[in-house]
Amino acid sequence: MICRTSKVWELLPFRIESQSSGNQKEMNDTHEKYPDCFGHLETVFPKGSDDLRNTPERCLECAYKTACLRSAMEGSDGLKVRGEIVDRAYQSGILSFFQRWSQKKNLQRRLNKKMKP
């Protein structure tokens, strides 16, 4: 049973949010050489024809796929993806209007915080 008070991304079977701040790519550049597409959300998690995001086949073979997707989701584009998840949950009836409003407001605050220099 799904708890209606939990955040939608907490219901996902994997954790997409990291405790660290900053870009994972920048932190590990001294240790390893990542591919050029590392952390680029539209490359590693693009929208499909059905408006759902899927990982491409070429990314499934990559050794850095987990760190890459986490890095992509930590950025401001990741917050927009979370907004898409909230909207889909509202449309399907999982979230009420006020739950959607609250989560969208929280995401907008976090997005504004990331955009500030």
Protein backbone atom coordinates (compact mmCIF):
# COMPACT_ATOMS: atom_id res chain seq x y z
CA MET A 1 0.00 0.00 0.00
CA ILE A 2 1.28 3.46 -0.88
CA CYS A 3 1.38 6.10 1.82
CA ARG A 4 -0.18 9.27 0.46
CA THR A 5 2.02 11.52 2.58
CA SER A 6 5.35 10.33 1.20
CA LYS A 7 7.18 12.06 -1.61
CA VAL A 8 6.81 10.43 -4.98
CA TRP A 9 10.53 9.89 -5.59
CA GLU A 10 10.79 8.06 -2.26
CA LEU A 11 8.54 5.40 -3.79
CA LEU A 12 11.03 4.67 -6.56
CA PRO A 13 12.94 1.37 -6.24
CA PHE A 14 16.29 3.18 -6.36
CA ARG A 15 17.74 6.26 -4.68
CA ILE A 16 18.28 9.18 -7.07
CA GLU A 17 19.24 11.83 -4.56
CA SER A 18 22.72 12.14 -3.10
CA GLN A 19 23.74 13.66 0.22
CA SER A 20 26.81 15.35 -1.28
CA SER A 21 26.81 18.80 -2.81
CA GLY A 22 28.41 19.64 -6.10
CA ASN A 23 28.84 17.72 -9.30
CA GLN A 24 30.02 14.13 -8.98
CA LYS A 25 32.00 14.51 -12.20
CA GLU A 26 34.06 17.38 -10.82
CA MET A 27 34.77 15.57 -7.56
CA ASN A 28 36.15 12.44 -9.24
CA ASP A 29 37.95 13.99 -12.23
CA THR A 30 41.31 13.52 -10.56
CA HIS A 31 40.78 9.77 -10.14
CA GLU A 32 39.03 8.63 -13.31
CA LYS A 33 38.35 9.80 -16.85
CA TYR A 34 34.61 9.84 -17.57
CA PRO A 35 33.03 9.81 -21.06
CA ASP A 36 31.98 13.15 -22.54
CA CYS A 37 28.30 12.32 -22.04
CA PHE A 38 28.77 11.81 -18.27
CA GLY A 39 26.05 13.59 -16.28
CA HIS A 40 24.26 15.05 -19.32
CA LEU A 41 20.61 14.33 -18.57
CA GLU A 42 19.23 14.49 -22.11
CA THR A 43 21.88 11.98 -23.23
CA VAL A 44 21.71 9.48 -20.37
CA PHE A 45 17.99 9.76 -19.53
CA PRO A 46 16.15 11.19 -22.57
CA LYS A 47 12.39 11.39 -23.05
CA GLY A 48 10.96 8.74 -25.29
CA SER A 49 8.12 8.99 -27.78
CA ASP A 50 5.66 8.24 -24.95
CA ASP A 51 6.97 11.21 -22.85
CA LEU A 52 8.57 8.83 -20.35
CA ARG A 53 12.29 8.86 -19.67
CA ASN A 54 14.34 5.76 -20.48
CA THR A 55 18.03 4.91 -20.35
CA PRO A 56 19.42 4.19 -23.84
CA GLU A 57 20.93 0.78 -24.61
CA ARG A 58 24.44 2.23 -25.04
CA CYS A 59 24.31 3.57 -21.47
CA LEU A 60 23.35 0.20 -20.00
CA GLU A 61 26.72 -1.20 -21.12
CA CYS A 62 28.72 1.66 -19.56
CA ALA A 63 30.63 1.04 -16.34
CA TYR A 64 29.74 4.53 -15.04
CA LYS A 65 25.97 4.35 -15.63
CA THR A 66 24.92 4.62 -11.96
CA ALA A 67 27.26 7.49 -11.08
CA CYS A 68 26.39 9.20 -14.36
CA LEU A 69 22.64 9.09 -13.76
CA ARG A 70 23.06 10.27 -10.17
CA SER A 71 25.21 13.16 -11.33
CA ALA A 72 22.65 14.10 -13.98
CA MET A 73 19.78 13.99 -11.47
CA GLU A 74 21.65 16.20 -8.95
CA GLY A 75 21.59 19.18 -11.29
CA SER A 76 18.82 21.63 -12.02
CA ASP A 77 17.56 19.41 -14.85
CA GLY A 78 17.11 16.63 -12.30
CA LEU A 79 14.77 18.86 -10.31
CA LYS A 80 12.73 19.41 -13.46
CA VAL A 81 12.50 15.63 -13.92
CA ARG A 82 11.26 15.32 -10.35
CA GLY A 83 8.62 17.93 -11.23
CA GLU A 84 7.53 15.71 -14.12
CA ILE A 85 7.23 12.78 -11.70
CA VAL A 86 5.07 14.86 -9.35
CA ASP A 87 2.82 15.95 -12.23
CA ARG A 88 2.34 12.35 -13.41
CA ALA A 89 1.55 11.24 -9.85
CA TYR A 90 -1.06 14.00 -9.56
CA GLN A 91 -2.64 13.09 -12.90
CA SER A 92 -2.89 9.44 -11.86
CA GLY A 93 -4.49 10.30 -8.53
CA ILE A 94 -1.60 9.34 -6.24
CA LEU A 95 -1.19 12.92 -5.01
CA SER A 96 -3.84 15.39 -3.95
CA PHE A 97 -3.84 19.00 -5.16
CA PHE A 98 -2.19 20.26 -1.96
CA GLN A 99 0.45 17.51 -1.95
CA ARG A 100 1.31 18.39 -5.55
CA TRP A 101 1.40 22.11 -4.74
CA SER A 102 3.65 21.53 -1.71
CA GLN A 103 6.10 19.32 -3.57
CA LYS A 104 6.23 21.62 -6.60
CA LYS A 105 6.87 24.58 -4.29
CA ASN A 106 9.69 22.69 -2.59
CA LEU A 107 11.22 21.77 -5.95
CA GLN A 108 10.98 25.38 -7.12
CA ARG A 109 12.77 26.59 -3.98
CA ARG A 110 15.53 24.04 -4.51
CA LEU A 111 15.82 25.03 -8.16
CA ASN A 112 16.10 28.72 -7.24
CA LYS A 113 18.73 27.85 -4.64
CA LYS A 114 20.81 25.99 -7.25
CA MET A 115 20.52 28.86 -9.72
CA LYS A 116 21.85 31.47 -7.29
CA PRO A 117 25.61 32.11 -7.63
